[in-house]
């Protein structure tokens, strides 16, 4: 997944995360904004990564299940 390489650059939380996700091309803008808002509420980098992975997993399942 391309998002990981953007996150590995040490992008801070919030809008820059949203930009990184959109730049990776893996999520549409609206979903990226929702993801960004949720991740901004996390307090540590580890929690941020966990939240991203959790939401992406839910998104992937939703897309697969139609």
PDB file of N, CA and C in Angstrom:
ATOM      1  N   UNK A   1       0.831  -1.186   0.000  1.00  0.00           N
ATOM      2  CA  UNK A   1       0.000   0.000   0.000  1.00  0.00           C
ATOM      3  C   UNK A   1       0.874   1.247   0.000  1.00  0.00           C
ATOM      4  N   UNK A   2       0.552   2.207  -0.813  1.00  0.00           N
ATOM      5  CA  UNK A   2       1.351   3.416  -0.964  1.00  0.00           C
ATOM      6  C   UNK A   2       1.293   4.358   0.229  1.00  0.00           C
ATOM      7  N   UNK A   3       0.218   4.274   1.010  1.00  0.00           N
ATOM      8  CA  UNK A   3       0.068   5.185   2.141  1.00  0.00           C
ATOM      9  C   UNK A   3       1.228   5.024   3.117  1.00  0.00           C
ATOM     10  N   UNK A   4       1.685   3.798   3.304  1.00  0.00           N
ATOM     11  CA  UNK A   4       2.745   3.545   4.278  1.00  0.00           C
ATOM     12  C   UNK A   4       3.985   4.392   4.005  1.00  0.00           C
ATOM     13  N   UNK A   5       4.397   4.511   2.754  1.00  0.00           N
ATOM     14  CA  UNK A   5       5.606   5.280   2.465  1.00  0.00           C
ATOM     15  C   UNK A   5       5.409   6.756   2.792  1.00  0.00           C
ATOM     16  N   UNK A   6       4.190   7.260   2.655  1.00  0.00           N
ATOM     17  CA  UNK A   6       3.922   8.649   3.019  1.00  0.00           C
ATOM     18  C   UNK A   6       3.946   8.818   4.535  1.00  0.00           C
ATOM     19  N   UNK A   7       3.361   7.863   5.250  1.00  0.00           N
ATOM     20  CA  UNK A   7       3.351   7.933   6.708  1.00  0.00           C
ATOM     21  C   UNK A   7       4.756   7.786   7.275  1.00  0.00           C
ATOM     22  N   UNK A   8       5.574   6.967   6.628  1.00  0.00           N
ATOM     23  CA  UNK A   8       6.932   6.752   7.106  1.00  0.00           C
ATOM     24  C   UNK A   8       7.796   8.002   7.018  1.00  0.00           C
ATOM     25  N   UNK A   9       7.375   8.982   6.255  1.00  0.00           N
ATOM     26  CA  UNK A   9       8.129  10.228   6.151  1.00  0.00           C
ATOM     27  C   UNK A   9       7.975  11.096   7.400  1.00  0.00           C
ATOM     28  N   UNK A  10       7.172  10.636   8.351  1.00  0.00           N
ATOM     29  CA  UNK A  10       6.980  11.397   9.576  1.00  0.00           C
ATOM     30  C   UNK A  10       5.951  12.499   9.442  1.00  0.00           C
ATOM     31  N   UNK A  11       5.005  12.312   8.556  1.00  0.00           N
ATOM     32  CA  UNK A  11       3.947  13.306   8.383  1.00  0.00           C
ATOM     33  C   UNK A  11       3.215  13.515   9.706  1.00  0.00           C
ATOM     34  N   UNK A  12       3.002  14.754  10.105  1.00  0.00           N
ATOM     35  CA  UNK A  12       2.222  14.997  11.323  1.00  0.00           C
ATOM     36  C   UNK A  12       0.744  14.671  11.118  1.00  0.00           C
ATOM     37  N   UNK A  13       0.012  14.648  12.209  1.00  0.00           N
ATOM     38  CA  UNK A  13      -1.409  14.312  12.147  1.00  0.00           C
ATOM     39  C   UNK A  13      -2.193  15.410  11.446  1.00  0.00           C
ATOM     40  N   UNK A  14      -3.466  15.137  11.190  1.00  0.00           N
ATOM     41  CA  UNK A  14      -4.367  16.155  10.667  1.00  0.00           C
ATOM     42  C   UNK A  14      -4.331  16.283   9.166  1.00  0.00           C
ATOM     43  N   UNK A  15      -4.346  17.515   8.681  1.00  0.00           N
ATOM     44  CA  UNK A  15      -4.487  17.752   7.253  1.00  0.00           C
ATOM     45  C   UNK A  15      -3.330  17.215   6.436  1.00  0.00           C
ATOM     46  N   UNK A  16      -2.113  17.197   7.007  1.00  0.00           N
ATOM     47  CA  UNK A  16      -0.986  16.663   6.244  1.00  0.00           C
ATOM     48  C   UNK A  16      -1.145  15.161   6.030  1.00  0.00           C
ATOM     49  N   UNK A  17      -1.748  14.473   7.004  1.00  0.00           N
ATOM     50  CA  UNK A  17      -2.043  13.053   6.826  1.00  0.00           C
ATOM     51  C   UNK A  17      -3.062  12.888   5.702  1.00  0.00           C
ATOM     52  N   UNK A  18      -4.069  13.719   5.717  1.00  0.00           N
ATOM     53  CA  UNK A  18      -5.097  13.685   4.675  1.00  0.00           C
ATOM     54  C   UNK A  18      -4.457  13.866   3.308  1.00  0.00           C
ATOM     55  N   UNK A  19      -3.547  14.824   3.204  1.00  0.00           N
ATOM     56  CA  UNK A  19      -2.857  15.088   1.946  1.00  0.00           C
ATOM     57  C   UNK A  19      -2.032  13.885   1.515  1.00  0.00           C
ATOM     58  N   UNK A  20      -1.361  13.252   2.478  1.00  0.00           N
ATOM     59  CA  UNK A  20      -0.542  12.084   2.166  1.00  0.00           C
ATOM     60  C   UNK A  20      -1.399  10.936   1.637  1.00  0.00           C
ATOM     61  N   UNK A  21      -2.565  10.753   2.255  1.00  0.00           N
ATOM     62  CA  UNK A  21      -3.465   9.682   1.823  1.00  0.00           C
ATOM     63  C   UNK A  21      -3.970   9.950   0.406  1.00  0.00           C
ATOM     64  N   UNK A  22      -4.359  11.185   0.154  1.00  0.00           N
ATOM     65  CA  UNK A  22      -4.834  11.529  -1.183  1.00  0.00           C
ATOM     66  C   UNK A  22      -3.708  11.393  -2.209  1.00  0.00           C
ATOM     67  N   UNK A  23      -2.493  11.794  -1.823  1.00  0.00           N
ATOM     68  CA  UNK A  23      -1.345  11.693  -2.722  1.00  0.00           C
ATOM     69  C   UNK A  23      -1.051  10.232  -3.062  1.00  0.00           C
ATOM     70  N   UNK A  24      -1.266   9.353  -2.095  1.00  0.00           N
ATOM     71  CA  UNK A  24      -1.040   7.931  -2.330  1.00  0.00           C
ATOM     72  C   UNK A  24      -2.084   7.355  -3.284  1.00  0.00           C
ATOM     73  N   UNK A  25      -3.208   8.054  -3.417  1.00  0.00           N
ATOM     74  CA  UNK A  25      -4.226   7.642  -4.377  1.00  0.00           C
ATOM     75  C   UNK A  25      -5.036   6.437  -3.939  1.00  0.00           C
ATOM     76  N   UNK A  26      -5.007   6.097  -2.640  1.00  0.00           N
ATOM     77  CA  UNK A  26      -5.703   4.901  -2.184  1.00  0.00           C
ATOM     78  C   UNK A  26      -7.116   5.181  -1.667  1.00  0.00           C
ATOM     79  N   UNK A  27      -7.406   6.425  -1.362  1.00  0.00           N
ATOM     80  CA  UNK A  27      -8.738   6.775  -0.864  1.00  0.00           C
ATOM     81  C   UNK A  27      -9.210   8.040  -1.558  1.00  0.00           C
ATOM     82  N   UNK A  28     -10.513   8.186  -1.712  1.00  0.00           N
ATOM     83  CA  UNK A  28     -11.008   9.428  -2.288  1.00  0.00           C
ATOM     84  C   UNK A  28     -10.923  10.540  -1.244  1.00  0.00           C
ATOM     85  N   UNK A  29     -11.047  11.781  -1.684  1.00  0.00           N
ATOM     86  CA  UNK A  29     -10.871  12.928  -0.806  1.00  0.00           C
ATOM     87  C   UNK A  29     -11.799  12.945   0.391  1.00  0.00           C
ATOM     88  N   UNK A  30     -13.071  12.609   0.193  1.00  0.00           N
ATOM     89  CA  UNK A  30     -14.033  12.647   1.289  1.00  0.00           C
ATOM     90  C   UNK A  30     -13.678  11.676   2.394  1.00  0.00           C
ATOM     91  N   UNK A  31     -13.302  10.466   2.025  1.00  0.00           N
ATOM     92  CA  UNK A  31     -12.937   9.465   3.016  1.00  0.00           C
ATOM     93  C   UNK A  31     -11.634   9.856   3.707  1.00  0.00           C
ATOM     94  N   UNK A  32     -10.724  10.454   2.971  1.00  0.00           N
ATOM     95  CA  UNK A  32      -9.462  10.898   3.543  1.00  0.00           C
ATOM     96  C   UNK A  32      -9.699  11.967   4.612  1.00  0.00           C
ATOM     97  N   UNK A  33     -10.654  12.842   4.390  1.00  0.00           N
ATOM     98  CA  UNK A  33     -10.970  13.881   5.377  1.00  0.00           C
ATOM     99  C   UNK A  33     -11.515  13.252   6.653  1.00  0.00           C
ATOM    100  N   UNK A  34     -12.395  12.262   6.509  1.00  0.00           N
ATOM    101  CA  UNK A  34     -12.940  11.562   7.678  1.00  0.00           C
ATOM    102  C   UNK A  34     -11.817  10.857   8.434  1.00  0.00           C
ATOM    103  N   UNK A  35     -10.964  10.185   7.695  1.00  0.00           N
ATOM    104  CA  UNK A  35      -9.834   9.481   8.295  1.00  0.00           C
ATOM    105  C   UNK A  35      -8.927  10.457   9.023  1.00  0.00           C
ATOM    106  N   UNK A  36      -8.663  11.588   8.408  1.00  0.00           N
ATOM    107  CA  UNK A  36      -7.813  12.607   8.998  1.00  0.00           C
ATOM    108  C   UNK A  36      -8.409  13.128  10.306  1.00  0.00           C
ATOM    109  N   UNK A  37      -9.712  13.389  10.305  1.00  0.00           N
ATOM    110  CA  UNK A  37     -10.375  13.897  11.504  1.00  0.00           C
ATOM    111  C   UNK A  37     -10.293  12.892  12.646  1.00  0.00           C
ATOM    112  N   UNK A  38     -10.473  11.624  12.347  1.00  0.00           N
ATOM    113  CA  UNK A  38     -10.385  10.600  13.383  1.00  0.00           C
ATOM    114  C   UNK A  38      -8.963  10.469  13.911  1.00  0.00           C
ATOM    115  N   UNK A  39      -7.996  10.524  13.015  1.00  0.00           N
ATOM    116  CA  UNK A  39      -6.607  10.352  13.420  1.00  0.00           C
ATOM    117  C   UNK A  39      -6.098  11.531  14.228  1.00  0.00           C
ATOM    118  N   UNK A  40      -6.627  12.708  13.982  1.00  0.00           N
ATOM    119  CA  UNK A  40      -6.208  13.894  14.714  1.00  0.00           C
ATOM    120  C   UNK A  40      -6.542  13.756  16.198  1.00  0.00           C
ATOM    121  N   UNK A  41      -7.542  12.948  16.513  1.00  0.00           N
ATOM    122  CA  UNK A  41      -7.942  12.754  17.909  1.00  0.00           C
ATOM    123  C   UNK A  41      -7.003  11.815  18.670  1.00  0.00           C
ATOM    124  N   UNK A  42      -6.101  11.144  17.966  1.00  0.00           N
ATOM    125  CA  UNK A  42      -5.179  10.230  18.634  1.00  0.00           C
ATOM    126  C   UNK A  42      -4.017  11.006  19.231  1.00  0.00           C
ATOM    127  N   UNK A  43      -3.397  10.442  20.257  1.00  0.00           N
ATOM    128  CA  UNK A  43      -2.380  11.200  20.984  1.00  0.00           C
ATOM    129  C   UNK A  43      -0.944  10.783  20.682  1.00  0.00           C
ATOM    130  N   UNK A  44      -0.735   9.606  20.134  1.00  0.00           N
ATOM    131  CA  UNK A  44       0.629   9.179  19.846  1.00  0.00           C
ATOM    132  C   UNK A  44       0.733   8.658  18.423  1.00  0.00           C
ATOM    133  N   UNK A  45       1.961   8.619  17.917  1.00  0.00           N
ATOM    134  CA  UNK A  45       2.186   8.132  16.558  1.00  0.00           C
ATOM    135  C   UNK A  45       1.723   6.686  16.415  1.00  0.00           C
ATOM    136  N   UNK A  46       1.983   5.867  17.437  1.00  0.00           N
ATOM    137  CA  UNK A  46       1.576   4.462  17.395  1.00  0.00           C
ATOM    138  C   UNK A  46       0.056   4.356  17.265  1.00  0.00           C
ATOM    139  N   UNK A  47      -0.677   5.159  18.035  1.00  0.00           N
ATOM    140  CA  UNK A  47      -2.139   5.138  17.965  1.00  0.00           C
ATOM    141  C   UNK A  47      -2.625   5.618  16.599  1.00  0.00           C
ATOM    142  N   UNK A  48      -1.926   6.600  16.044  1.00  0.00           N
ATOM    143  CA  UNK A  48      -2.285   7.121  14.733  1.00  0.00           C
ATOM    144  C   UNK A  48      -2.176   6.033  13.672  1.00  0.00           C
ATOM    145  N   UNK A  49      -1.046   5.314  13.667  1.00  0.00           N
ATOM    146  CA  UNK A  49      -0.850   4.240  12.697  1.00  0.00           C
ATOM    147  C   UNK A  49      -1.897   3.139  12.887  1.00  0.00           C
ATOM    148  N   UNK A  50      -2.171   2.810  14.150  1.00  0.00           N
ATOM    149  CA  UNK A  50      -3.174   1.779  14.452  1.00  0.00           C
ATOM    150  C   UNK A  50      -4.548   2.199  13.912  1.00  0.00           C
ATOM    151  N   UNK A  51      -4.913   3.466  14.117  1.00  0.00           N
ATOM    152  CA  UNK A  51      -6.205   3.966  13.655  1.00  0.00           C
ATOM    153  C   UNK A  51      -6.289   3.914  12.134  1.00  0.00           C
ATOM    154  N   UNK A  52      -5.205   4.322  11.470  1.00  0.00           N
ATOM    155  CA  UNK A  52      -5.189   4.289  10.004  1.00  0.00           C
ATOM    156  C   UNK A  52      -5.394   2.865   9.509  1.00  0.00           C
ATOM    157  N   UNK A  53      -4.645   1.934  10.068  1.00  0.00           N
ATOM    158  CA  UNK A  53      -4.755   0.537   9.625  1.00  0.00           C
ATOM    159  C   UNK A  53      -6.146  -0.019   9.889  1.00  0.00           C
ATOM    160  N   UNK A  54      -6.708   0.304  11.051  1.00  0.00           N
ATOM    161  CA  UNK A  54      -8.039  -0.182  11.412  1.00  0.00           C
ATOM    162  C   UNK A  54      -9.094   0.344  10.434  1.00  0.00           C
ATOM    163  N   UNK A  55      -9.031   1.637  10.143  1.00  0.00           N
ATOM    164  CA  UNK A  55     -10.008   2.223   9.234  1.00  0.00           C
ATOM    165  C   UNK A  55      -9.820   1.727   7.803  1.00  0.00           C
ATOM    166  N   UNK A  56      -8.569   1.535   7.390  1.00  0.00           N
ATOM    167  CA  UNK A  56      -8.329   1.017   6.047  1.00  0.00           C
ATOM    168  C   UNK A  56      -8.837  -0.405   5.907  1.00  0.00           C
ATOM    169  N   UNK A  57      -8.690  -1.191   6.959  1.00  0.00           N
ATOM    170  CA  UNK A  57      -9.198  -2.558   6.935  1.00  0.00           C
ATOM    171  C   UNK A  57     -10.717  -2.555   6.771  1.00  0.00           C
ATOM    172  N   UNK A  58     -11.389  -1.694   7.528  1.00  0.00           N
ATOM    173  CA  UNK A  58     -12.847  -1.586   7.401  1.00  0.00           C
ATOM    174  C   UNK A  58     -13.226  -1.135   5.997  1.00  0.00           C
ATOM    175  N   UNK A  59     -12.481  -0.178   5.461  1.00  0.00           N
ATOM    176  CA  UNK A  59     -12.762   0.338   4.128  1.00  0.00           C
ATOM    177  C   UNK A  59     -12.573  -0.746   3.086  1.00  0.00           C
ATOM    178  N   UNK A  60     -11.469  -1.483   3.186  1.00  0.00           N
ATOM    179  CA  UNK A  60     -11.199  -2.553   2.229  1.00  0.00           C
ATOM    180  C   UNK A  60     -12.310  -3.600   2.252  1.00  0.00           C
ATOM    181  N   UNK A  61     -12.770  -3.985   3.443  1.00  0.00           N
ATOM    182  CA  UNK A  61     -13.841  -4.971   3.552  1.00  0.00           C
ATOM    183  C   UNK A  61     -15.122  -4.441   2.924  1.00  0.00           C
ATOM    184  N   UNK A  62     -15.397  -3.144   3.175  1.00  0.00           N
ATOM    185  CA  UNK A  62     -16.597  -2.530   2.622  1.00  0.00           C
ATOM    186  C   UNK A  62     -16.545  -2.546   1.095  1.00  0.00           C
ATOM    187  N   UNK A  63     -15.379  -2.206   0.542  1.00  0.00           N
ATOM    188  CA  UNK A  63     -15.237  -2.174  -0.911  1.00  0.00           C
ATOM    189  C   UNK A  63     -15.351  -3.571  -1.512  1.00  0.00           C
ATOM    190  N   UNK A  64     -14.780  -4.543  -0.826  1.00  0.00           N
ATOM    191  CA  UNK A  64     -14.820  -5.921  -1.318  1.00  0.00           C
ATOM    192  C   UNK A  64     -16.242  -6.471  -1.266  1.00  0.00           C
ATOM    193  N   UNK A  65     -16.954  -6.163  -0.181  1.00  0.00           N
ATOM    194  CA  UNK A  65     -18.312  -6.676  -0.011  1.00  0.00           C
ATOM    195  C   UNK A  65     -19.344  -5.896  -0.810  1.00  0.00           C
ATOM    196  N   UNK A  66     -18.929  -4.772  -1.369  1.00  0.00           N
ATOM    197  CA  UNK A  66     -19.816  -3.991  -2.221  1.00  0.00           C
ATOM    198  C   UNK A  66     -20.770  -3.151  -1.442  1.00  0.00           C
TER     199      UNK A  66
END
